[in-house]
Every structure is written in structure tokens, then in C-alpha cells.
Amino acid sequence: MKPGLRQLLITGAAALSVVALHGALNRPAFAQPPAAAAPKVLDDGAGAKSGRFDNMHKTRFIEIFLAHPDAKTGKLAAECYNSMFTAKGIPASKDTAPQALVEGLDFARMKSDYSVGGASLNGPKVWLPDWTEIDMGVERDFNGIKASWVAQLNMGDNAGGVAESTPYKPMTIARKSGLGWNKGTTVLLLDDAEGNTWVMKGFQLGVKPQYIYEEFVAAGAANFKKLPPGWTFRIKTLDKDLIEVPVTGVATIMPDEFFNMYDKTGPGMSNYKP
């Protein structure tokens, strides 16, 4: 295992953290520090083009996050690259992130190559929607895994990164993509204390899986030990198509205690609340 991956695995939660941005070195007051190289990924979403992918349910994938300060706010933002959305489409194997290639990812080199403050892995995960329509930007190669720019994650004040996001705490991501679950598909849902319903979009495997999807579904609500008061988990077979498109171009997402990822449903996000 390469040093960069070993370092990131220490963070736990089966997902790897964005490395905190380095502070300026101490220098004499009269010295002028060299200008930092601009991140090479800032324009990866410019000119993004829409594409549609079908037959996606239970596709294995990863996301790579390349983090940098937002030019306008100074807060941490992360460009997101997804291995499912490439020119090759979904393979017959439904594996877009082979384990050996994932284990060979070098995050320290990514930071250097792209002049970013942090690089991290989300996943491997299992994608649960049946289809996606998504804007795709620049396609990059990460140790043989092709992945296209698909979104920019607003990290806010969370300099610790993706894996240090608090379970059951919502965050936003700029995303215009549409996705859907077909009638008859089984969905995993969380209902929060305020009456919102969240649908699981990505099931966490991690580099060293603790569960497989079928085992998690079979255990159901018994999996959850840290649900906030008033929250419940349920499984539903859809009696009609569930279609999600964030009306404002900003989606609200949330991790659970296993780093499974959910999208908020309801007005402004989906055609109905399941």
C-alpha cells in the first residue's frame, strides 16, 4: 500500500479525509513568500456537457475530491470526480473502480500534481439510483481509474474534510444533475424529526468493507446505533418512479454513521416524498 493511502486510512469511517490546507510558513516580516500555484482544477466544470446513464442500480464507484479555498469566500471547496460518469459508460461488470486500482491511489501525488490543498477518496460505494442525467466536465485519470468532474462540494468551515463531516448533519453541493429510482426498486429511507425524508444514494463499502449491501438491507433498522432522537429508518419498494432534480442547482446531502450518503427529498428536490 502506498504511503499516501496508508496515511488517509487512519481517519477511519471507511472514507478518507481531505487533508487540511497547509498554513503559511513562518518567515521574516520583510520576506515576500512565493505565490502559491493556482489549483489546476478550477475550470474542470466549465463547459460541462449533459449525459444520461441507465442501468446503474448497484454500480460500484468512487469519488475523488480535490480541495482548495474558494476564490470568493475563502472557505474550503472540493471539486468532485466520479468514476461512473465517463465516455465509456457503465461497464457490464458494473465495477468502475477495481479494488487493486483503488488501493494504489496516491493522494500526496494528487495534491502535488493538481496544486490543491487536499485530496481524498469517497468510497468505494454502491450507487443505488437506476438512472442519472448529469453535467460532466473534464475527465481525469487517477491511477488508471477514469473519473469526470461532476460537482463542487461546499465544505464551509469544515477544514477537516469529507470524512470528518458529522453524521446526520446536512451539507450542500452544487449539482444540476437529475437522477431517479424506477417503480419497483427498493429504497432505503431515513425520516428525520422535522418530517423530512432522506433517500440513500450511495452505500458505503470503503477500502475494507464491513458489510455488503444485501447484508445491510437484511439487518434493516438494527444497523443503526446513533440515530438522532425522533429519527427512523425504513425500507420501501417504490410504487411509482422517484425523480430527483434540485430546482435551485443546489442539492442537500447527508452522511449517516456508516458514511452512506443520502439526498433530501420533497419540494425543490424530488417529484414526491417517498
Protein backbone atom coordinates (compact mmCIF):
# COMPACT_ATOMS: atom_id res chain seq x y z
CA MET A 1 0.00 0.00 0.00
CA LYS A 2 1.37 3.41 -0.90
CA PRO A 3 2.18 5.92 1.90
CA GLY A 4 -0.46 8.40 0.81
CA LEU A 5 -3.27 5.85 1.08
CA ARG A 6 -1.96 4.49 4.39
CA GLN A 7 -1.98 7.98 5.90
CA LEU A 8 -5.54 8.66 4.81
CA LEU A 9 -6.86 5.35 6.08
CA ILE A 10 -6.08 6.48 9.63
CA THR A 11 -9.12 8.75 9.56
CA GLY A 12 -11.50 5.77 9.73
CA ALA A 13 -15.19 5.86 8.81
CA ALA A 14 -14.18 3.80 5.78
CA ALA A 15 -13.78 7.02 3.84
CA LEU A 16 -10.64 9.09 3.52
CA SER A 17 -10.37 12.66 4.74
CA VAL A 18 -9.43 15.78 2.83
CA VAL A 19 -6.03 16.81 4.22
CA ALA A 20 -6.23 20.20 5.94
CA LEU A 21 -4.76 23.09 3.98
CA HIS A 22 -1.22 23.97 4.98
CA GLY A 23 -0.71 27.28 6.78
CA ALA A 24 1.93 29.74 5.67
CA LEU A 25 5.47 29.07 6.86
CA ASN A 26 6.95 31.49 9.41
CA ARG A 27 9.15 33.98 7.57
CA PRO A 28 10.83 37.29 8.48
CA ALA A 29 8.47 40.23 8.12
CA PHE A 30 10.44 41.65 5.22
CA ALA A 31 10.44 38.43 3.20
CA GLN A 32 7.86 38.04 0.44
CA PRO A 33 6.53 34.44 0.25
CA PRO A 34 6.36 32.96 -3.22
CA ALA A 35 2.91 32.98 -4.78
CA ALA A 36 1.10 29.69 -4.34
CA ALA A 37 0.40 27.80 -7.53
CA ALA A 38 -3.22 28.10 -8.56
CA PRO A 39 -5.15 24.81 -8.42
CA LYS A 40 -5.20 23.16 -11.84
CA VAL A 41 -8.81 22.00 -11.44
CA LEU A 42 -10.67 25.30 -11.08
CA ASP A 43 -12.02 25.22 -14.63
CA ASP A 44 -12.78 21.49 -14.77
CA GLY A 45 -16.51 22.18 -14.57
CA ALA A 46 -16.50 24.91 -17.22
CA GLY A 47 -18.23 23.81 -20.38
CA ALA A 48 -19.65 20.69 -18.73
CA LYS A 49 -21.98 18.74 -21.01
CA SER A 50 -25.01 16.69 -20.06
CA GLY A 51 -25.17 12.93 -20.47
CA ARG A 52 -27.58 10.18 -19.40
CA PHE A 53 -26.68 6.83 -17.83
CA ASP A 54 -29.13 3.95 -17.32
CA ASN A 55 -29.00 0.52 -15.65
CA MET A 56 -26.95 1.98 -12.80
CA HIS A 57 -28.50 0.32 -9.73
CA LYS A 58 -25.74 -1.34 -7.64
CA THR A 59 -22.84 0.02 -9.70
CA ARG A 60 -19.55 0.17 -7.76
CA PHE A 61 -17.83 3.57 -7.92
CA ILE A 62 -15.55 6.05 -6.21
CA GLU A 63 -15.45 9.81 -5.96
CA ILE A 64 -12.23 11.79 -5.75
CA PHE A 65 -12.33 15.19 -4.03
CA LEU A 66 -9.66 17.81 -4.78
CA ALA A 67 -9.95 20.60 -2.21
CA HIS A 68 -8.93 24.25 -2.33
CA PRO A 69 -10.06 27.60 -0.90
CA ASP A 70 -12.97 29.14 -2.77
CA ALA A 71 -11.74 32.23 -4.59
CA LYS A 72 -14.74 34.31 -3.47
CA THR A 73 -15.37 33.17 0.11
CA GLY A 74 -12.02 31.73 1.16
CA LYS A 75 -13.84 28.73 2.59
CA LEU A 76 -12.97 25.20 1.61
CA ALA A 77 -14.47 23.82 -1.61
CA ALA A 78 -13.80 20.50 -3.29
CA GLU A 79 -14.06 19.56 -6.95
CA CYS A 80 -15.76 16.16 -7.21
CA TYR A 81 -14.85 13.47 -9.79
CA ASN A 82 -16.97 10.34 -10.20
CA SER A 83 -15.80 7.11 -11.85
CA MET A 84 -19.24 6.16 -13.20
CA PHE A 85 -19.63 9.15 -15.48
CA THR A 86 -17.07 8.75 -18.26
CA ALA A 87 -17.01 8.42 -22.02
CA LYS A 88 -17.03 4.61 -21.68
CA GLY A 89 -20.33 4.49 -19.79
CA ILE A 90 -21.32 1.79 -17.28
CA PRO A 91 -19.41 -1.49 -17.91
CA ALA A 92 -21.18 -4.86 -17.96
CA SER A 93 -19.43 -5.73 -14.69
CA LYS A 94 -20.88 -2.59 -13.04
CA ASP A 95 -17.45 -2.07 -11.46
CA THR A 96 -15.98 1.32 -12.34
CA ALA A 97 -13.38 1.27 -9.54
CA PRO A 98 -11.45 -2.05 -9.37
CA GLN A 99 -10.10 -2.75 -5.89
CA ALA A 100 -6.44 -3.04 -6.93
CA LEU A 101 -6.51 0.36 -8.61
CA VAL A 102 -8.25 1.94 -5.61
CA GLU A 103 -5.58 0.60 -3.26
CA GLY A 104 -2.90 2.14 -5.49
CA LEU A 105 -4.26 5.69 -5.35
CA ASP A 106 -1.58 8.19 -4.27
CA PHE A 107 -3.21 11.19 -2.63
CA ALA A 108 0.03 13.02 -1.83
CA ARG A 109 0.88 12.94 -5.52
CA MET A 110 -2.59 14.22 -6.42
CA LYS A 111 -2.06 17.24 -4.18
CA SER A 112 1.22 17.99 -5.91
CA ASP A 113 0.06 17.24 -9.46
CA TYR A 114 -3.06 19.40 -9.22
CA SER A 115 -1.71 22.10 -6.85
CA VAL A 116 -4.53 21.56 -4.35
CA GLY A 117 -4.55 21.67 -0.58
CA GLY A 118 -6.25 18.32 -0.10
CA ALA A 119 -7.11 15.12 -1.93
CA SER A 120 -9.44 12.41 -0.69
CA LEU A 121 -11.48 9.36 -1.55
CA ASN A 122 -15.20 8.82 -1.08
CA GLY A 123 -15.93 5.12 -1.32
CA PRO A 124 -15.79 2.71 -2.88
CA LYS A 125 -19.56 2.88 -2.81
CA VAL A 126 -22.54 1.19 -4.43
CA TRP A 127 -24.79 3.54 -6.46
CA LEU A 128 -28.48 2.98 -5.76
CA PRO A 129 -30.46 5.12 -8.27
CA ASP A 130 -31.46 3.43 -11.53
CA TRP A 131 -30.52 6.32 -13.85
CA THR A 132 -28.75 9.66 -13.87
CA GLU A 133 -28.70 12.70 -16.11
CA ILE A 134 -25.63 14.70 -15.20
CA ASP A 135 -23.38 17.51 -16.38
CA MET A 136 -19.84 16.19 -16.88
CA GLY A 137 -16.71 18.29 -17.08
CA VAL A 138 -13.07 17.34 -17.53
CA GLU A 139 -12.31 13.61 -17.36
CA ARG A 140 -9.15 12.81 -15.40
CA ASP A 141 -7.17 9.63 -14.77
CA PHE A 142 -6.47 8.60 -11.18
CA ASN A 143 -4.13 5.58 -11.21
CA GLY A 144 -5.96 4.08 -14.16
CA ILE A 145 -9.44 4.95 -12.87
CA LYS A 146 -11.11 7.42 -15.20
CA ALA A 147 -13.40 9.90 -13.46
CA SER A 148 -15.20 13.02 -14.68
CA TRP A 149 -15.85 16.28 -12.87
CA VAL A 150 -19.49 16.27 -11.76
CA ALA A 151 -19.91 18.80 -8.95
CA GLN A 152 -18.31 21.18 -6.46
CA LEU A 153 -18.85 20.40 -2.79
CA ASN A 154 -19.21 23.34 -0.41
CA MET A 155 -17.18 22.37 2.67
CA GLY A 156 -17.94 25.61 4.53
CA ASP A 157 -15.86 25.83 7.70
CA ASN A 158 -15.19 22.09 7.76
CA ALA A 159 -11.45 22.20 7.08
CA GLY A 160 -11.15 18.60 8.26
CA GLY A 161 -12.72 17.34 5.08
CA VAL A 162 -15.29 14.93 3.77
CA ALA A 163 -14.75 12.04 6.19
CA GLU A 164 -14.93 14.38 9.18
CA SER A 165 -18.40 15.54 8.22
CA THR A 166 -20.78 14.95 11.10
CA PRO A 167 -23.20 12.03 10.67
CA TYR A 168 -26.79 13.16 10.16
CA LYS A 169 -25.72 16.78 9.60
CA PRO A 170 -26.85 18.12 6.18
CA MET A 171 -24.49 19.93 3.79
CA THR A 172 -24.96 21.37 0.32
CA ILE A 173 -23.42 20.54 -3.03
CA ALA A 174 -23.75 22.47 -6.29
CA ARG A 175 -25.36 19.95 -8.62
CA LYS A 176 -27.79 20.22 -11.52
CA SER A 177 -28.00 16.50 -12.18
CA GLY A 178 -31.23 14.58 -12.31
CA LEU A 179 -31.47 11.04 -11.02
CA GLY A 180 -34.18 8.53 -10.40
CA TRP A 181 -35.32 5.28 -8.92
CA ASN A 182 -37.76 3.26 -11.01
CA LYS A 183 -41.07 1.87 -9.84
CA GLY A 184 -40.40 -1.46 -8.11
CA THR A 185 -36.89 -0.52 -6.92
CA THR A 186 -36.18 -0.95 -3.20
CA VAL A 187 -35.04 2.27 -1.49
CA LEU A 188 -33.55 2.88 1.95
CA LEU A 189 -35.02 5.89 3.74
CA LEU A 190 -34.39 8.00 6.83
CA ASP A 191 -37.18 10.14 8.28
CA ASP A 192 -35.85 12.93 10.50
CA ALA A 193 -37.52 14.56 13.49
CA GLU A 194 -38.65 17.53 11.36
CA GLY A 195 -40.61 15.36 8.94
CA ASN A 196 -38.06 15.31 6.12
CA THR A 197 -37.35 12.09 4.22
CA TRP A 198 -33.85 11.24 3.01
CA VAL A 199 -33.15 8.58 0.37
CA MET A 200 -29.89 6.63 0.36
CA LYS A 201 -27.99 7.34 -2.84
CA GLY A 202 -24.61 5.72 -2.16
CA PHE A 203 -23.97 2.66 0.02
CA GLN A 204 -20.53 2.73 1.62
CA LEU A 205 -18.19 -0.20 1.03
CA GLY A 206 -14.90 1.51 1.83
CA VAL A 207 -11.45 0.17 1.09
CA LYS A 208 -12.04 -2.63 3.58
CA PRO A 209 -15.80 -3.35 3.55
CA GLN A 210 -17.56 -4.16 6.82
CA TYR A 211 -20.86 -5.01 5.15
CA ILE A 212 -22.18 -5.89 1.74
CA TYR A 213 -25.34 -4.17 0.56
CA GLU A 214 -27.60 -7.23 0.84
CA GLU A 215 -26.49 -7.83 4.46
CA PHE A 216 -27.19 -4.22 5.37
CA VAL A 217 -30.67 -4.35 3.86
CA ALA A 218 -31.46 -7.63 5.64
CA ALA A 219 -30.50 -6.15 9.03
CA GLY A 220 -32.60 -3.04 8.41
CA ALA A 221 -33.11 -0.66 11.33
CA ALA A 222 -30.95 -2.87 13.58
CA ASN A 223 -27.88 -1.46 11.82
CA PHE A 224 -28.34 1.98 13.32
CA LYS A 225 -26.98 2.76 16.78
CA LYS A 226 -26.55 6.55 16.58
CA LEU A 227 -29.75 7.87 15.01
CA PRO A 228 -30.71 11.26 16.48
CA PRO A 229 -33.84 11.32 18.68
CA GLY A 230 -37.03 11.14 16.63
CA TRP A 231 -35.32 9.71 13.54
CA THR A 232 -36.38 6.41 11.97
CA PHE A 233 -35.11 4.11 9.21
CA ARG A 234 -37.35 2.23 6.80
CA ILE A 235 -37.18 0.23 3.57
CA LYS A 236 -39.71 0.72 0.81
CA THR A 237 -40.43 -0.78 -2.59
CA LEU A 238 -41.48 2.14 -4.78
CA ASP A 239 -45.00 2.08 -6.21
CA LYS A 240 -44.09 4.85 -8.69
CA ASP A 241 -40.93 6.41 -10.13
CA LEU A 242 -38.99 8.70 -7.78
CA ILE A 243 -37.32 11.51 -9.73
CA GLU A 244 -34.87 13.94 -8.14
CA VAL A 245 -33.76 17.24 -9.67
CA PRO A 246 -32.56 20.08 -7.39
CA VAL A 247 -34.56 23.06 -8.64
CA THR A 248 -32.04 25.66 -7.45
CA GLY A 249 -29.00 23.75 -8.70
CA VAL A 250 -28.01 23.03 -5.10
CA ALA A 251 -28.71 19.64 -3.51
CA THR A 252 -28.85 18.90 0.21
CA ILE A 253 -27.00 15.73 1.16
CA MET A 254 -26.16 13.96 4.40
CA PRO A 255 -24.00 11.07 5.66
CA ASP A 256 -25.15 8.54 8.22
CA GLU A 257 -22.94 6.86 10.83
CA PHE A 258 -21.59 4.42 8.21
CA PHE A 259 -20.85 7.19 5.67
CA ASN A 260 -23.69 6.04 3.45
CA MET A 261 -24.87 9.15 1.61
CA TYR A 262 -28.47 10.40 1.39
CA ASP A 263 -30.25 13.08 -0.61
CA LYS A 264 -33.09 15.12 0.81
CA THR A 265 -36.42 14.54 -0.94
CA GLY A 266 -39.55 16.65 -1.18
CA PRO A 267 -40.33 20.12 -2.57
CA GLY A 268 -37.49 21.60 -4.60
CA MET A 269 -35.65 18.27 -4.73
CA SER A 270 -37.90 15.44 -5.91
CA ASN A 271 -41.29 14.81 -7.51
CA TYR A 272 -42.62 13.49 -4.19
CA LYS A 273 -41.52 12.42 -0.72
CA PRO A 274 -41.45 8.59 -0.57
